[in-house]
Amino acid sequence: MRGDGGPVGGPWDCRRVNLDVMRALTAALAAGSLIGGYYVARTTKKRELGGAVLAAGAATCTVSWWRQAGPAPAIGSLAIMMGAFGASHPLAKKLGAWPSVLGVSAVTAITSYALTAPRD
């Protein structure tokens, strides 16, 4: 039992709520890294700067995913993020640059959130 009388592990368990918040923040960071990397590369005309933004975000997300859910979900989420980055290039030729980046960013956020559910 917790101090407020609720059971540990219930829907209001602070540890569970904090993990859900961290999952959501990490998913947002993953999507933001893809979006931010593209924006930086486009505005500076230096692709390597955009790549640095993406790499920093991917590294931070991977550490967070690893801590939240373990190695397999972390590696899977990173693979999805990098696959989304790669897929955005051919998609941009069909949809346009921004729709492509926003689409793969949304897919990355949703799948990383789903893959990194806490282990019970």
N, C-alpha and C. Protein backbone atom coordinates (compact mmCIF):
# COMPACT_ATOMS: atom_id res chain seq x y z
N MET A 1 0.84 -1.19 0.00
CA MET A 1 0.00 0.00 0.00
C MET A 1 0.88 1.25 0.00
N ARG A 2 0.39 2.27 -0.64
CA ARG A 2 1.08 3.55 -0.64
C ARG A 2 0.58 4.37 0.54
N GLY A 3 1.20 5.53 0.72
CA GLY A 3 0.81 6.41 1.81
C GLY A 3 -0.61 6.92 1.71
N ASP A 4 -1.17 7.01 0.48
CA ASP A 4 -2.54 7.51 0.32
C ASP A 4 -3.57 6.39 0.35
N GLY A 5 -3.12 5.17 0.65
CA GLY A 5 -4.05 4.05 0.76
C GLY A 5 -4.28 3.29 -0.52
N GLY A 6 -3.79 3.81 -1.66
CA GLY A 6 -3.98 3.13 -2.94
C GLY A 6 -2.96 2.02 -3.12
N PRO A 7 -3.28 1.02 -3.91
CA PRO A 7 -2.36 -0.09 -4.11
C PRO A 7 -1.19 0.32 -5.00
N VAL A 8 -0.03 -0.24 -4.71
CA VAL A 8 1.12 -0.02 -5.58
C VAL A 8 0.84 -0.72 -6.90
N GLY A 9 1.11 -0.05 -7.99
CA GLY A 9 0.87 -0.63 -9.30
C GLY A 9 -0.49 -0.27 -9.88
N GLY A 10 -1.33 0.42 -9.13
CA GLY A 10 -2.63 0.84 -9.64
C GLY A 10 -2.49 1.99 -10.62
N PRO A 11 -3.59 2.46 -11.15
CA PRO A 11 -3.53 3.51 -12.17
C PRO A 11 -2.94 4.83 -11.67
N TRP A 12 -2.95 5.05 -10.36
CA TRP A 12 -2.42 6.30 -9.82
C TRP A 12 -1.07 6.11 -9.13
N ASP A 13 -0.44 4.98 -9.35
CA ASP A 13 0.89 4.75 -8.81
C ASP A 13 1.85 5.73 -9.47
N CYS A 14 2.51 6.54 -8.67
CA CYS A 14 3.39 7.60 -9.19
C CYS A 14 4.49 7.04 -10.08
N ARG A 15 4.99 5.86 -9.75
CA ARG A 15 6.05 5.30 -10.60
C ARG A 15 5.52 5.01 -11.99
N ARG A 16 4.31 4.51 -12.09
CA ARG A 16 3.72 4.17 -13.38
C ARG A 16 3.41 5.45 -14.16
N VAL A 17 2.87 6.46 -13.50
CA VAL A 17 2.55 7.72 -14.16
C VAL A 17 3.82 8.37 -14.67
N ASN A 18 4.89 8.37 -13.87
CA ASN A 18 6.15 8.96 -14.31
C ASN A 18 6.72 8.24 -15.52
N LEU A 19 6.60 6.91 -15.57
CA LEU A 19 7.07 6.17 -16.73
C LEU A 19 6.28 6.54 -17.97
N ASP A 20 4.97 6.68 -17.83
CA ASP A 20 4.14 7.07 -18.97
C ASP A 20 4.52 8.47 -19.47
N VAL A 21 4.78 9.38 -18.54
CA VAL A 21 5.20 10.73 -18.92
C VAL A 21 6.54 10.67 -19.65
N MET A 22 7.47 9.90 -19.12
CA MET A 22 8.78 9.78 -19.76
C MET A 22 8.66 9.14 -21.14
N ARG A 23 7.79 8.15 -21.29
CA ARG A 23 7.58 7.55 -22.61
C ARG A 23 7.07 8.59 -23.59
N ALA A 24 6.11 9.39 -23.15
CA ALA A 24 5.54 10.41 -24.03
C ALA A 24 6.58 11.48 -24.38
N LEU A 25 7.36 11.89 -23.42
CA LEU A 25 8.40 12.90 -23.68
C LEU A 25 9.47 12.36 -24.62
N THR A 26 9.85 11.11 -24.43
CA THR A 26 10.85 10.53 -25.31
C THR A 26 10.32 10.36 -26.73
N ALA A 27 9.07 9.97 -26.85
CA ALA A 27 8.45 9.86 -28.18
C ALA A 27 8.40 11.23 -28.86
N ALA A 28 8.08 12.26 -28.10
CA ALA A 28 8.05 13.62 -28.66
C ALA A 28 9.45 14.06 -29.05
N LEU A 29 10.46 13.71 -28.26
CA LEU A 29 11.84 14.06 -28.60
C LEU A 29 12.28 13.36 -29.87
N ALA A 30 11.89 12.11 -30.04
CA ALA A 30 12.24 11.38 -31.26
C ALA A 30 11.65 12.07 -32.49
N ALA A 31 10.37 12.41 -32.41
CA ALA A 31 9.73 13.11 -33.52
C ALA A 31 10.34 14.49 -33.73
N GLY A 32 10.59 15.19 -32.63
CA GLY A 32 11.18 16.52 -32.72
C GLY A 32 12.58 16.50 -33.30
N SER A 33 13.32 15.42 -33.05
CA SER A 33 14.67 15.31 -33.61
C SER A 33 14.63 15.16 -35.12
N LEU A 34 13.67 14.41 -35.61
CA LEU A 34 13.52 14.28 -37.06
C LEU A 34 13.10 15.62 -37.68
N ILE A 35 12.13 16.26 -37.06
CA ILE A 35 11.65 17.54 -37.57
C ILE A 35 12.74 18.60 -37.45
N GLY A 36 13.36 18.69 -36.28
CA GLY A 36 14.40 19.68 -36.05
C GLY A 36 15.61 19.47 -36.93
N GLY A 37 16.00 18.22 -37.12
CA GLY A 37 17.13 17.93 -38.00
C GLY A 37 16.87 18.40 -39.42
N TYR A 38 15.66 18.13 -39.90
CA TYR A 38 15.32 18.59 -41.26
C TYR A 38 15.31 20.12 -41.32
N TYR A 39 14.72 20.75 -40.32
CA TYR A 39 14.63 22.21 -40.31
C TYR A 39 16.03 22.84 -40.30
N VAL A 40 16.90 22.33 -39.45
CA VAL A 40 18.26 22.87 -39.37
C VAL A 40 18.99 22.67 -40.69
N ALA A 41 18.90 21.48 -41.26
CA ALA A 41 19.57 21.21 -42.54
C ALA A 41 19.04 22.12 -43.65
N ARG A 42 17.75 22.33 -43.65
CA ARG A 42 17.15 23.15 -44.70
C ARG A 42 17.49 24.63 -44.54
N THR A 43 17.43 25.14 -43.33
CA THR A 43 17.66 26.58 -43.14
C THR A 43 19.14 26.95 -43.21
N THR A 44 20.03 26.07 -42.76
CA THR A 44 21.46 26.39 -42.80
C THR A 44 22.12 25.96 -44.10
N LYS A 45 21.43 25.13 -44.88
CA LYS A 45 21.99 24.54 -46.10
C LYS A 45 23.20 23.65 -45.80
N LYS A 46 23.27 23.17 -44.56
CA LYS A 46 24.36 22.27 -44.15
C LYS A 46 23.73 20.99 -43.60
N ARG A 47 23.76 19.96 -44.43
CA ARG A 47 23.12 18.70 -44.05
C ARG A 47 23.76 18.09 -42.81
N GLU A 48 25.07 18.32 -42.64
CA GLU A 48 25.74 17.73 -41.49
C GLU A 48 25.23 18.32 -40.17
N LEU A 49 24.80 19.56 -40.17
CA LEU A 49 24.23 20.15 -38.95
C LEU A 49 22.88 19.51 -38.63
N GLY A 50 22.09 19.28 -39.66
CA GLY A 50 20.83 18.57 -39.45
C GLY A 50 21.06 17.15 -38.96
N GLY A 51 22.09 16.51 -39.50
CA GLY A 51 22.45 15.17 -39.04
C GLY A 51 22.89 15.16 -37.59
N ALA A 52 23.59 16.23 -37.18
CA ALA A 52 24.02 16.32 -35.78
C ALA A 52 22.82 16.45 -34.85
N VAL A 53 21.82 17.21 -35.26
CA VAL A 53 20.60 17.33 -34.46
C VAL A 53 19.92 15.97 -34.35
N LEU A 54 19.79 15.29 -35.47
CA LEU A 54 19.17 13.97 -35.48
C LEU A 54 19.96 12.99 -34.62
N ALA A 55 21.28 12.99 -34.74
CA ALA A 55 22.12 12.06 -33.98
C ALA A 55 22.02 12.32 -32.48
N ALA A 56 22.04 13.58 -32.09
CA ALA A 56 21.93 13.91 -30.66
C ALA A 56 20.58 13.46 -30.11
N GLY A 57 19.53 13.71 -30.86
CA GLY A 57 18.20 13.27 -30.43
C GLY A 57 18.09 11.76 -30.37
N ALA A 58 18.63 11.08 -31.37
CA ALA A 58 18.57 9.62 -31.39
C ALA A 58 19.35 9.02 -30.22
N ALA A 59 20.50 9.58 -29.91
CA ALA A 59 21.29 9.07 -28.79
C ALA A 59 20.56 9.27 -27.47
N THR A 60 19.99 10.44 -27.29
CA THR A 60 19.26 10.72 -26.06
C THR A 60 18.04 9.81 -25.92
N CYS A 61 17.31 9.65 -27.00
CA CYS A 61 16.13 8.78 -26.98
C CYS A 61 16.51 7.33 -26.69
N THR A 62 17.60 6.87 -27.29
CA THR A 62 17.99 5.48 -27.10
C THR A 62 18.33 5.21 -25.64
N VAL A 63 19.04 6.12 -25.00
CA VAL A 63 19.34 5.96 -23.57
C VAL A 63 18.05 5.91 -22.76
N SER A 64 17.14 6.80 -23.07
CA SER A 64 15.86 6.84 -22.35
C SER A 64 15.05 5.57 -22.60
N TRP A 65 14.97 5.12 -23.85
CA TRP A 65 14.23 3.90 -24.17
C TRP A 65 14.84 2.70 -23.44
N TRP A 66 16.17 2.65 -23.41
CA TRP A 66 16.87 1.54 -22.77
C TRP A 66 16.51 1.48 -21.28
N ARG A 67 16.50 2.65 -20.64
CA ARG A 67 16.17 2.70 -19.21
C ARG A 67 14.70 2.37 -18.96
N GLN A 68 13.84 2.78 -19.86
CA GLN A 68 12.40 2.57 -19.67
C GLN A 68 11.99 1.13 -19.92
N ALA A 69 12.54 0.52 -20.98
CA ALA A 69 11.99 -0.76 -21.42
C ALA A 69 13.02 -1.85 -21.67
N GLY A 70 14.29 -1.51 -21.66
CA GLY A 70 15.32 -2.52 -21.89
C GLY A 70 15.92 -2.45 -23.28
N PRO A 71 16.88 -3.33 -23.55
CA PRO A 71 17.65 -3.23 -24.80
C PRO A 71 16.86 -3.52 -26.08
N ALA A 72 16.04 -4.55 -26.09
CA ALA A 72 15.34 -4.91 -27.33
C ALA A 72 14.38 -3.79 -27.80
N PRO A 73 13.52 -3.27 -26.92
CA PRO A 73 12.65 -2.17 -27.37
C PRO A 73 13.45 -0.91 -27.74
N ALA A 74 14.56 -0.67 -27.05
CA ALA A 74 15.37 0.51 -27.36
C ALA A 74 15.97 0.40 -28.75
N ILE A 75 16.54 -0.76 -29.04
CA ILE A 75 17.14 -0.97 -30.36
C ILE A 75 16.06 -0.96 -31.44
N GLY A 76 14.91 -1.56 -31.15
CA GLY A 76 13.81 -1.54 -32.11
C GLY A 76 13.31 -0.13 -32.38
N SER A 77 13.19 0.68 -31.33
CA SER A 77 12.73 2.06 -31.51
C SER A 77 13.75 2.88 -32.29
N LEU A 78 15.04 2.66 -32.00
CA LEU A 78 16.09 3.37 -32.76
C LEU A 78 16.06 2.95 -34.23
N ALA A 79 15.86 1.66 -34.48
CA ALA A 79 15.78 1.18 -35.86
C ALA A 79 14.60 1.81 -36.60
N ILE A 80 13.49 1.94 -35.91
CA ILE A 80 12.32 2.58 -36.53
C ILE A 80 12.62 4.05 -36.82
N MET A 81 13.26 4.72 -35.88
CA MET A 81 13.60 6.14 -36.07
C MET A 81 14.52 6.32 -37.29
N MET A 82 15.55 5.47 -37.38
CA MET A 82 16.48 5.58 -38.50
C MET A 82 15.83 5.15 -39.81
N GLY A 83 14.96 4.15 -39.73
CA GLY A 83 14.22 3.74 -40.92
C GLY A 83 13.29 4.84 -41.40
N ALA A 84 12.68 5.55 -40.44
CA ALA A 84 11.80 6.67 -40.81
C ALA A 84 12.61 7.77 -41.49
N PHE A 85 13.80 8.04 -40.96
CA PHE A 85 14.67 9.03 -41.59
C PHE A 85 14.98 8.63 -43.03
N GLY A 86 15.32 7.38 -43.23
CA GLY A 86 15.61 6.91 -44.58
C GLY A 86 14.38 6.94 -45.48
N ALA A 87 13.23 6.58 -44.94
CA ALA A 87 12.00 6.55 -45.74
C ALA A 87 11.52 7.95 -46.11
N SER A 88 11.89 8.94 -45.32
CA SER A 88 11.42 10.29 -45.60
C SER A 88 11.95 10.82 -46.93
N HIS A 89 13.12 10.36 -47.34
CA HIS A 89 13.70 10.86 -48.59
C HIS A 89 12.89 10.45 -49.82
N PRO A 90 12.60 9.16 -50.04
CA PRO A 90 11.77 8.84 -51.20
C PRO A 90 10.33 9.33 -51.06
N LEU A 91 9.83 9.38 -49.82
CA LEU A 91 8.47 9.91 -49.63
C LEU A 91 8.40 11.38 -50.00
N ALA A 92 9.48 12.12 -49.76
CA ALA A 92 9.49 13.55 -50.07
C ALA A 92 9.31 13.79 -51.57
N LYS A 93 9.78 12.88 -52.38
CA LYS A 93 9.62 13.03 -53.83
C LYS A 93 8.17 12.87 -54.25
N LYS A 94 7.42 12.10 -53.47
CA LYS A 94 6.01 11.87 -53.81
C LYS A 94 5.06 12.83 -53.10
N LEU A 95 5.35 13.14 -51.81
CA LEU A 95 4.44 13.94 -51.00
C LEU A 95 4.88 15.39 -50.81
N GLY A 96 6.16 15.63 -50.96
CA GLY A 96 6.73 16.92 -50.59
C GLY A 96 7.54 16.74 -49.32
N ALA A 97 8.47 17.66 -49.09
CA ALA A 97 9.41 17.51 -47.98
C ALA A 97 8.73 17.56 -46.62
N TRP A 98 8.00 18.63 -46.35
CA TRP A 98 7.41 18.76 -45.01
C TRP A 98 6.37 17.69 -44.71
N PRO A 99 5.46 17.36 -45.64
CA PRO A 99 4.51 16.27 -45.33
C PRO A 99 5.23 14.95 -45.04
N SER A 100 6.30 14.69 -45.76
CA SER A 100 7.06 13.47 -45.54
C SER A 100 7.69 13.46 -44.15
N VAL A 101 8.36 14.55 -43.79
CA VAL A 101 9.02 14.62 -42.48
C VAL A 101 8.00 14.54 -41.36
N LEU A 102 6.90 15.24 -41.48
CA LEU A 102 5.88 15.20 -40.44
C LEU A 102 5.25 13.82 -40.33
N GLY A 103 5.04 13.17 -41.45
CA GLY A 103 4.45 11.83 -41.43
C GLY A 103 5.35 10.80 -40.77
N VAL A 104 6.63 10.78 -41.16
CA VAL A 104 7.52 9.79 -40.55
C VAL A 104 7.79 10.12 -39.09
N SER A 105 7.72 11.38 -38.73
CA SER A 105 7.89 11.77 -37.33
C SER A 105 6.73 11.26 -36.48
N ALA A 106 5.53 11.37 -37.00
CA ALA A 106 4.36 10.86 -36.28
C ALA A 106 4.44 9.35 -36.11
N VAL A 107 4.82 8.65 -37.16
CA VAL A 107 4.96 7.20 -37.08
C VAL A 107 6.01 6.82 -36.05
N THR A 108 7.12 7.54 -36.04
CA THR A 108 8.19 7.28 -35.07
C THR A 108 7.70 7.48 -33.64
N ALA A 109 7.01 8.57 -33.40
CA ALA A 109 6.52 8.85 -32.05
C ALA A 109 5.54 7.78 -31.58
N ILE A 110 4.61 7.42 -32.42
CA ILE A 110 3.59 6.44 -32.04
C ILE A 110 4.20 5.07 -31.80
N THR A 111 5.06 4.63 -32.69
CA THR A 111 5.63 3.29 -32.53
C THR A 111 6.60 3.22 -31.36
N SER A 112 7.39 4.26 -31.15
CA SER A 112 8.32 4.22 -30.01
C SER A 112 7.55 4.22 -28.70
N TYR A 113 6.47 4.97 -28.63
CA TYR A 113 5.64 4.97 -27.42
C TYR A 113 5.07 3.57 -27.17
N ALA A 114 4.60 2.94 -28.22
CA ALA A 114 4.02 1.61 -28.08
C ALA A 114 5.07 0.56 -27.73
N LEU A 115 6.23 0.63 -28.33
CA LEU A 115 7.27 -0.38 -28.09
C LEU A 115 7.89 -0.29 -26.70
N THR A 116 7.87 0.87 -26.10
CA THR A 116 8.58 1.04 -24.83
C THR A 116 7.65 1.00 -23.62
N ALA A 117 6.56 0.27 -23.74
CA ALA A 117 5.67 0.11 -22.60
C ALA A 117 6.43 -0.54 -21.46
N PRO A 118 6.15 -0.12 -20.23
CA PRO A 118 6.87 -0.70 -19.08
C PRO A 118 6.71 -2.20 -18.99
N ARG A 119 7.78 -2.84 -18.58
CA ARG A 119 7.74 -4.29 -18.37
C ARG A 119 7.01 -4.58 -17.06
N ASP A 120 6.05 -5.46 -17.11
CA ASP A 120 5.30 -5.82 -15.88
C ASP A 120 5.74 -7.15 -15.36
